[in-house]
Amino acid sequence: MEREGRWIYLCAGFWNLPTTGTDSRAGALIHAASHFDDMGSTNHHAIGRAACVKLAATHGQRSNCIWNGDSYRYFAEDAYTYDIVAGVGEVESPIVHDEH
Protein backbone atom coordinates (compact mmCIF):
# COMPACT_ATOMS: atom_id res chain seq x y z
CA MET A 1 0.00 0.00 0.00
CA GLU A 2 1.51 3.31 -1.04
CA ARG A 3 1.20 6.35 1.13
CA GLU A 4 1.30 9.92 0.00
CA GLY A 5 4.49 11.74 0.87
CA ARG A 6 4.79 13.15 4.34
CA TRP A 7 6.59 16.39 4.97
CA ILE A 8 7.94 17.97 8.11
CA TYR A 9 9.05 21.51 7.48
CA LEU A 10 11.99 22.63 9.59
CA CYS A 11 12.27 26.31 10.40
CA ALA A 12 15.61 28.01 10.95
CA GLY A 13 15.13 27.81 14.74
CA PHE A 14 15.13 24.00 14.54
CA TRP A 15 18.88 24.03 13.90
CA ASN A 16 19.48 26.04 17.09
CA LEU A 17 17.95 23.30 19.28
CA PRO A 18 20.17 20.74 21.00
CA THR A 19 20.31 17.38 19.22
CA THR A 20 18.95 15.45 22.22
CA GLY A 21 17.62 16.23 25.68
CA THR A 22 14.77 18.52 26.68
CA ASP A 23 13.30 20.62 23.86
CA SER A 24 15.62 18.99 21.33
CA ARG A 25 15.65 18.41 17.60
CA ALA A 26 14.80 14.77 18.24
CA GLY A 27 11.82 15.81 20.36
CA ALA A 28 10.66 18.31 17.75
CA LEU A 29 10.68 15.59 15.07
CA ILE A 30 8.76 13.18 17.33
CA HIS A 31 6.21 15.90 18.06
CA ALA A 32 5.82 16.72 14.34
CA ALA A 33 5.55 13.05 13.30
CA SER A 34 2.87 12.47 15.93
CA HIS A 35 0.54 14.72 13.90
CA PHE A 36 0.41 12.26 10.97
CA ASP A 37 -2.92 10.41 10.92
CA ASP A 38 -1.35 6.96 11.13
CA MET A 39 1.21 7.94 13.79
CA GLY A 40 -1.02 9.42 16.48
CA SER A 41 -3.15 12.07 14.79
CA THR A 42 -2.25 14.43 17.62
CA ASN A 43 -3.15 18.07 18.03
CA HIS A 44 -1.98 20.99 20.18
CA HIS A 45 -3.82 20.78 23.49
CA ALA A 46 -0.76 21.98 25.44
CA ILE A 47 2.60 23.36 24.31
CA GLY A 48 5.65 23.20 26.59
CA ARG A 49 6.48 21.01 29.55
CA ALA A 50 4.64 23.04 32.21
CA ALA A 51 1.49 23.15 30.08
CA CYS A 52 1.69 19.38 29.50
CA VAL A 53 2.01 18.74 33.22
CA LYS A 54 -0.98 20.99 33.87
CA LEU A 55 -2.98 19.15 31.20
CA ALA A 56 -2.16 15.80 32.82
CA ALA A 57 -3.05 17.10 36.28
CA THR A 58 -6.36 18.72 35.33
CA HIS A 59 -9.36 16.49 35.94
CA GLY A 60 -11.40 16.23 32.76
CA GLN A 61 -8.41 17.05 30.55
CA ARG A 62 -6.25 13.95 31.13
CA SER A 63 -7.65 12.15 28.11
CA ASN A 64 -6.30 14.99 25.93
CA CYS A 65 -2.73 13.96 26.84
CA ILE A 66 -2.88 11.04 24.43
CA TRP A 67 -3.91 13.41 21.63
CA ASN A 68 -1.23 16.02 22.44
CA GLY A 69 1.94 16.20 20.33
CA ASP A 70 4.14 17.61 23.10
CA SER A 71 3.13 14.76 25.43
CA TYR A 72 4.87 12.35 23.05
CA ARG A 73 7.83 14.72 22.73
CA TYR A 74 8.48 14.91 26.46
CA PHE A 75 7.86 11.20 27.01
CA ALA A 76 10.48 10.33 24.39
CA GLU A 77 12.98 12.94 25.58
CA ASP A 78 12.61 11.83 29.20
CA ALA A 79 12.83 8.14 28.33
CA TYR A 80 16.08 8.82 26.47
CA THR A 81 17.69 10.67 29.39
CA TYR A 82 16.36 8.50 32.20
CA ASP A 83 17.13 4.80 32.51
CA ILE A 84 13.89 3.47 33.99
CA VAL A 85 15.26 -0.02 34.60
CA ALA A 86 18.37 1.14 36.48
CA GLY A 87 16.60 4.15 38.00
CA VAL A 88 19.39 6.53 37.05
CA GLY A 89 19.39 9.80 35.22
CA GLU A 90 17.49 13.00 35.55
CA VAL A 91 14.09 13.98 34.25
CA GLU A 92 13.39 17.69 34.14
CA SER A 93 9.96 18.31 35.56
CA PRO A 94 8.15 21.24 37.14
CA ILE A 95 6.16 18.80 39.29
CA VAL A 96 6.46 19.47 43.00
CA HIS A 97 5.56 16.52 45.21
CA ASP A 98 3.79 17.42 48.42
CA GLU A 99 5.24 15.35 51.24
CA HIS A 100 2.15 15.84 53.47
C-alpha atoms as a PDB file:
ATOM      1  CA  MET A   1       0.000   0.000   0.000  1.00  0.00           C
ATOM      2  CA  GLU A   2       1.508   3.308  -1.045  1.00  0.00           C
ATOM      3  CA  ARG A   3       1.199   6.352   1.134  1.00  0.00           C
ATOM      4  CA  GLU A   4       1.299   9.919   0.001  1.00  0.00           C
ATOM      5  CA  GLY A   5       4.494  11.736   0.868  1.00  0.00           C
ATOM      6  CA  ARG A   6       4.792  13.151   4.339  1.00  0.00           C
ATOM      7  CA  TRP A   7       6.589  16.386   4.973  1.00  0.00           C
ATOM      8  CA  ILE A   8       7.939  17.966   8.113  1.00  0.00           C
ATOM      9  CA  TYR A   9       9.051  21.514   7.477  1.00  0.00           C
ATOM     10  CA  LEU A  10      11.993  22.627   9.592  1.00  0.00           C
ATOM     11  CA  CYS A  11      12.272  26.311  10.399  1.00  0.00           C
ATOM     12  CA  ALA A  12      15.614  28.011  10.950  1.00  0.00           C
ATOM     13  CA  GLY A  13      15.126  27.810  14.742  1.00  0.00           C
ATOM     14  CA  PHE A  14      15.131  23.996  14.543  1.00  0.00           C
ATOM     15  CA  TRP A  15      18.875  24.029  13.905  1.00  0.00           C
ATOM     16  CA  ASN A  16      19.480  26.039  17.086  1.00  0.00           C
ATOM     17  CA  LEU A  17      17.952  23.305  19.275  1.00  0.00           C
ATOM     18  CA  PRO A  18      20.174  20.735  20.996  1.00  0.00           C
ATOM     19  CA  THR A  19      20.311  17.385  19.221  1.00  0.00           C
ATOM     20  CA  THR A  20      18.952  15.450  22.224  1.00  0.00           C
ATOM     21  CA  GLY A  21      17.616  16.225  25.683  1.00  0.00           C
ATOM     22  CA  THR A  22      14.772  18.522  26.678  1.00  0.00           C
ATOM     23  CA  ASP A  23      13.301  20.623  23.864  1.00  0.00           C
ATOM     24  CA  SER A  24      15.622  18.989  21.334  1.00  0.00           C
ATOM     25  CA  ARG A  25      15.649  18.411  17.598  1.00  0.00           C
ATOM     26  CA  ALA A  26      14.798  14.769  18.238  1.00  0.00           C
ATOM     27  CA  GLY A  27      11.820  15.806  20.356  1.00  0.00           C
ATOM     28  CA  ALA A  28      10.655  18.310  17.751  1.00  0.00           C
ATOM     29  CA  LEU A  29      10.676  15.595  15.068  1.00  0.00           C
ATOM     30  CA  ILE A  30       8.762  13.182  17.329  1.00  0.00           C
ATOM     31  CA  HIS A  31       6.206  15.899  18.060  1.00  0.00           C
ATOM     32  CA  ALA A  32       5.817  16.719  14.344  1.00  0.00           C
ATOM     33  CA  ALA A  33       5.551  13.055  13.295  1.00  0.00           C
ATOM     34  CA  SER A  34       2.868  12.473  15.932  1.00  0.00           C
ATOM     35  CA  HIS A  35       0.543  14.717  13.903  1.00  0.00           C
ATOM     36  CA  PHE A  36       0.413  12.263  10.972  1.00  0.00           C
ATOM     37  CA  ASP A  37      -2.916  10.414  10.921  1.00  0.00           C
ATOM     38  CA  ASP A  38      -1.346   6.960  11.133  1.00  0.00           C
ATOM     39  CA  MET A  39       1.211   7.940  13.785  1.00  0.00           C
ATOM     40  CA  GLY A  40      -1.015   9.424  16.476  1.00  0.00           C
ATOM     41  CA  SER A  41      -3.149  12.068  14.790  1.00  0.00           C
ATOM     42  CA  THR A  42      -2.246  14.430  17.625  1.00  0.00           C
ATOM     43  CA  ASN A  43      -3.146  18.075  18.029  1.00  0.00           C
ATOM     44  CA  HIS A  44      -1.983  20.992  20.184  1.00  0.00           C
ATOM     45  CA  HIS A  45      -3.818  20.777  23.495  1.00  0.00           C
ATOM     46  CA  ALA A  46      -0.757  21.985  25.441  1.00  0.00           C
ATOM     47  CA  ILE A  47       2.604  23.363  24.312  1.00  0.00           C
ATOM     48  CA  GLY A  48       5.649  23.201  26.586  1.00  0.00           C
ATOM     49  CA  ARG A  49       6.484  21.006  29.553  1.00  0.00           C
ATOM     50  CA  ALA A  50       4.643  23.041  32.208  1.00  0.00           C
ATOM     51  CA  ALA A  51       1.491  23.150  30.078  1.00  0.00           C
ATOM     52  CA  CYS A  52       1.693  19.376  29.496  1.00  0.00           C
ATOM     53  CA  VAL A  53       2.012  18.736  33.224  1.00  0.00           C
ATOM     54  CA  LYS A  54      -0.983  20.992  33.873  1.00  0.00           C
ATOM     55  CA  LEU A  55      -2.977  19.151  31.198  1.00  0.00           C
ATOM     56  CA  ALA A  56      -2.164  15.804  32.818  1.00  0.00           C
ATOM     57  CA  ALA A  57      -3.047  17.099  36.282  1.00  0.00           C
ATOM     58  CA  THR A  58      -6.362  18.715  35.329  1.00  0.00           C
ATOM     59  CA  HIS A  59      -9.362  16.493  35.942  1.00  0.00           C
ATOM     60  CA  GLY A  60     -11.397  16.234  32.764  1.00  0.00           C
ATOM     61  CA  GLN A  61      -8.406  17.053  30.552  1.00  0.00           C
ATOM     62  CA  ARG A  62      -6.252  13.949  31.133  1.00  0.00           C
ATOM     63  CA  SER A  63      -7.646  12.149  28.105  1.00  0.00           C
ATOM     64  CA  ASN A  64      -6.298  14.988  25.928  1.00  0.00           C
ATOM     65  CA  CYS A  65      -2.729  13.963  26.837  1.00  0.00           C
ATOM     66  CA  ILE A  66      -2.878  11.039  24.426  1.00  0.00           C
ATOM     67  CA  TRP A  67      -3.913  13.413  21.627  1.00  0.00           C
ATOM     68  CA  ASN A  68      -1.232  16.023  22.438  1.00  0.00           C
ATOM     69  CA  GLY A  69       1.943  16.202  20.328  1.00  0.00           C
ATOM     70  CA  ASP A  70       4.143  17.612  23.096  1.00  0.00           C
ATOM     71  CA  SER A  71       3.134  14.763  25.431  1.00  0.00           C
ATOM     72  CA  TYR A  72       4.875  12.350  23.053  1.00  0.00           C
ATOM     73  CA  ARG A  73       7.826  14.716  22.728  1.00  0.00           C
ATOM     74  CA  TYR A  74       8.485  14.914  26.457  1.00  0.00           C
ATOM     75  CA  PHE A  75       7.858  11.202  27.014  1.00  0.00           C
ATOM     76  CA  ALA A  76      10.482  10.332  24.390  1.00  0.00           C
ATOM     77  CA  GLU A  77      12.984  12.944  25.584  1.00  0.00           C
ATOM     78  CA  ASP A  78      12.612  11.833  29.205  1.00  0.00           C
ATOM     79  CA  ALA A  79      12.829   8.139  28.329  1.00  0.00           C
ATOM     80  CA  TYR A  80      16.080   8.818  26.470  1.00  0.00           C
ATOM     81  CA  THR A  81      17.690  10.675  29.388  1.00  0.00           C
ATOM     82  CA  TYR A  82      16.362   8.496  32.202  1.00  0.00           C
ATOM     83  CA  ASP A  83      17.131   4.796  32.509  1.00  0.00           C
ATOM     84  CA  ILE A  84      13.889   3.472  33.987  1.00  0.00           C
ATOM     85  CA  VAL A  85      15.261  -0.020  34.597  1.00  0.00           C
ATOM     86  CA  ALA A  86      18.368   1.141  36.478  1.00  0.00           C
ATOM     87  CA  GLY A  87      16.598   4.153  37.997  1.00  0.00           C
ATOM     88  CA  VAL A  88      19.385   6.526  37.048  1.00  0.00           C
ATOM     89  CA  GLY A  89      19.394   9.802  35.219  1.00  0.00           C
ATOM     90  CA  GLU A  90      17.491  13.004  35.545  1.00  0.00           C
ATOM     91  CA  VAL A  91      14.091  13.979  34.246  1.00  0.00           C
ATOM     92  CA  GLU A  92      13.394  17.693  34.138  1.00  0.00           C
ATOM     93  CA  SER A  93       9.957  18.310  35.557  1.00  0.00           C
ATOM     94  CA  PRO A  94       8.147  21.237  37.144  1.00  0.00           C
ATOM     95  CA  ILE A  95       6.156  18.799  39.292  1.00  0.00           C
ATOM     96  CA  VAL A  96       6.464  19.470  42.998  1.00  0.00           C
ATOM     97  CA  HIS A  97       5.559  16.519  45.208  1.00  0.00           C
ATOM     98  CA  ASP A  98       3.787  17.420  48.416  1.00  0.00           C
ATOM     99  CA  GLU A  99       5.239  15.351  51.237  1.00  0.00           C
ATOM    100  CA  HIS A 100       2.155  15.844  53.472  1.00  0.00           C
END
